[in-house]
Amino acid sequence: MKPGIHPAYGPVVFRDQAANYAFLTRSTMTSDKTIEWEDGNTYPVVDVEISNVSHPFYTGTARVLDTAGRVERFERRYGRRGAN
């Protein structure tokens, strides 16, 4: 990498407030807030709204949309295009 043009890359804690879950990883993100981690060191913390612990796709609470039924209902309501 070319020196002096890349942001600092270091350990950061990402905290999911909705699920009360946090994980330590490396990132270029920074924050003024800090947290003391399990290893006794202090790291910058970034609060996120959603993570793999609280996202519906990963938790299995995702809703499956019936797109075929929605298309048919739309065509019944507004008519089918084409066949001109």
C-alpha atoms as a PDB file:
ATOM      1  CA  MET A   1       0.000   0.000   0.000  1.00  0.00           C
ATOM      2  CA  LYS A   2       1.098   3.514  -0.692  1.00  0.00           C
ATOM      3  CA  PRO A   3       2.030   5.221   2.600  1.00  0.00           C
ATOM      4  CA  GLY A   4       0.120   8.268   3.816  1.00  0.00           C
ATOM      5  CA  ILE A   5      -3.066   7.912   1.739  1.00  0.00           C
ATOM      6  CA  HIS A   6      -4.977   5.182   3.582  1.00  0.00           C
ATOM      7  CA  PRO A   7      -6.990   5.615   6.798  1.00  0.00           C
ATOM      8  CA  ALA A   8      -5.767   3.977  10.002  1.00  0.00           C
ATOM      9  CA  TYR A   9      -6.807   0.317  10.285  1.00  0.00           C
ATOM     10  CA  GLY A  10      -7.165  -0.988  13.814  1.00  0.00           C
ATOM     11  CA  PRO A  11      -9.327  -2.776  16.370  1.00  0.00           C
ATOM     12  CA  VAL A  12     -12.877  -1.449  16.824  1.00  0.00           C
ATOM     13  CA  VAL A  13     -15.846  -2.769  18.812  1.00  0.00           C
ATOM     14  CA  PHE A  14     -19.190  -2.781  16.986  1.00  0.00           C
ATOM     15  CA  ARG A  15     -22.161  -2.784  19.373  1.00  0.00           C
ATOM     16  CA  ASP A  16     -25.715  -3.732  18.371  1.00  0.00           C
ATOM     17  CA  GLN A  17     -27.924  -1.817  20.794  1.00  0.00           C
ATOM     18  CA  ALA A  18     -31.102  -3.704  19.833  1.00  0.00           C
ATOM     19  CA  ALA A  19     -29.699  -7.148  20.645  1.00  0.00           C
ATOM     20  CA  ASN A  20     -27.263  -6.161  23.404  1.00  0.00           C
ATOM     21  CA  TYR A  21     -24.437  -7.752  21.396  1.00  0.00           C
ATOM     22  CA  ALA A  22     -20.930  -6.521  20.660  1.00  0.00           C
ATOM     23  CA  PHE A  23     -17.971  -7.901  18.743  1.00  0.00           C
ATOM     24  CA  LEU A  24     -14.355  -6.863  18.297  1.00  0.00           C
ATOM     25  CA  THR A  25     -12.916  -6.658  14.804  1.00  0.00           C
ATOM     26  CA  ARG A  26     -10.560  -4.511  12.764  1.00  0.00           C
ATOM     27  CA  SER A  27     -11.877  -1.566  10.769  1.00  0.00           C
ATOM     28  CA  THR A  28     -11.058   1.891   9.451  1.00  0.00           C
ATOM     29  CA  MET A  29     -14.072   3.364  11.282  1.00  0.00           C
ATOM     30  CA  THR A  30     -13.380   5.620  14.224  1.00  0.00           C
ATOM     31  CA  SER A  31     -15.394   6.904  17.162  1.00  0.00           C
ATOM     32  CA  ASP A  32     -14.986   9.297  20.062  1.00  0.00           C
ATOM     33  CA  LYS A  33     -16.717   6.810  22.383  1.00  0.00           C
ATOM     34  CA  THR A  34     -14.666   3.994  23.919  1.00  0.00           C
ATOM     35  CA  ILE A  35     -15.435   0.762  25.731  1.00  0.00           C
ATOM     36  CA  GLU A  36     -13.397  -1.536  27.931  1.00  0.00           C
ATOM     37  CA  TRP A  37     -13.386  -4.957  26.278  1.00  0.00           C
ATOM     38  CA  GLU A  38     -13.198  -8.410  27.891  1.00  0.00           C
ATOM     39  CA  ASP A  39      -9.407  -8.495  27.510  1.00  0.00           C
ATOM     40  CA  GLY A  40      -9.046  -5.363  29.670  1.00  0.00           C
ATOM     41  CA  ASN A  41      -8.060  -3.044  26.790  1.00  0.00           C
ATOM     42  CA  THR A  42      -9.998   0.046  25.766  1.00  0.00           C
ATOM     43  CA  TYR A  43     -11.196   0.259  22.153  1.00  0.00           C
ATOM     44  CA  PRO A  44     -13.313   2.726  20.159  1.00  0.00           C
ATOM     45  CA  VAL A  45     -16.944   1.611  19.961  1.00  0.00           C
ATOM     46  CA  VAL A  46     -19.316   2.119  17.018  1.00  0.00           C
ATOM     47  CA  ASP A  47     -23.040   1.681  17.704  1.00  0.00           C
ATOM     48  CA  VAL A  48     -24.987  -0.001  14.894  1.00  0.00           C
ATOM     49  CA  GLU A  49     -28.732  -0.361  14.503  1.00  0.00           C
ATOM     50  CA  ILE A  50     -28.705  -3.910  13.202  1.00  0.00           C
ATOM     51  CA  SER A  51     -26.273  -6.828  13.040  1.00  0.00           C
ATOM     52  CA  ASN A  52     -26.410 -10.519  12.231  1.00  0.00           C
ATOM     53  CA  VAL A  53     -27.844 -11.147  15.710  1.00  0.00           C
ATOM     54  CA  SER A  54     -30.862  -8.877  15.237  1.00  0.00           C
ATOM     55  CA  HIS A  55     -31.405  -8.967  11.446  1.00  0.00           C
ATOM     56  CA  PRO A  56     -34.581 -10.885  10.469  1.00  0.00           C
ATOM     57  CA  PHE A  57     -32.795 -12.821   7.706  1.00  0.00           C
ATOM     58  CA  TYR A  58     -30.329 -14.366  10.150  1.00  0.00           C
ATOM     59  CA  THR A  59     -32.755 -14.831  13.043  1.00  0.00           C
ATOM     60  CA  GLY A  60     -35.320 -16.710  10.943  1.00  0.00           C
ATOM     61  CA  THR A  61     -38.128 -14.245  11.579  1.00  0.00           C
ATOM     62  CA  ALA A  62     -38.156 -12.971   7.989  1.00  0.00           C
ATOM     63  CA  ARG A  63     -41.523 -12.784   6.247  1.00  0.00           C
ATOM     64  CA  VAL A  64     -41.868 -14.400   2.853  1.00  0.00           C
ATOM     65  CA  LEU A  65     -43.833 -12.219   0.457  1.00  0.00           C
ATOM     66  CA  ASP A  66     -46.326 -13.844  -1.870  1.00  0.00           C
ATOM     67  CA  THR A  67     -45.273 -11.934  -4.972  1.00  0.00           C
ATOM     68  CA  ALA A  68     -47.262 -14.112  -7.368  1.00  0.00           C
ATOM     69  CA  GLY A  69     -50.472 -13.406  -5.465  1.00  0.00           C
ATOM     70  CA  ARG A  70     -49.697  -9.700  -5.388  1.00  0.00           C
ATOM     71  CA  VAL A  71     -49.117  -9.598  -9.158  1.00  0.00           C
ATOM     72  CA  GLU A  72     -52.349 -11.462  -9.844  1.00  0.00           C
ATOM     73  CA  ARG A  73     -54.284  -9.135  -7.552  1.00  0.00           C
ATOM     74  CA  PHE A  74     -52.776  -6.119  -9.325  1.00  0.00           C
ATOM     75  CA  GLU A  75     -53.729  -7.543 -12.734  1.00  0.00           C
ATOM     76  CA  ARG A  76     -57.283  -8.234 -11.572  1.00  0.00           C
ATOM     77  CA  ARG A  77     -57.620  -4.736 -10.178  1.00  0.00           C
ATOM     78  CA  TYR A  78     -56.070  -2.768 -13.050  1.00  0.00           C
ATOM     79  CA  GLY A  79     -56.286  -5.165 -15.996  1.00  0.00           C
ATOM     80  CA  ARG A  80     -53.601  -6.923 -17.939  1.00  0.00           C
ATOM     81  CA  ARG A  81     -51.463  -4.998 -20.416  1.00  0.00           C
ATOM     82  CA  GLY A  82     -50.406  -6.269 -23.798  1.00  0.00           C
ATOM     83  CA  ALA A  83     -52.344  -8.176 -26.487  1.00  0.00           C
ATOM     84  CA  ASN A  84     -52.868  -4.963 -28.474  1.00  0.00           C
END
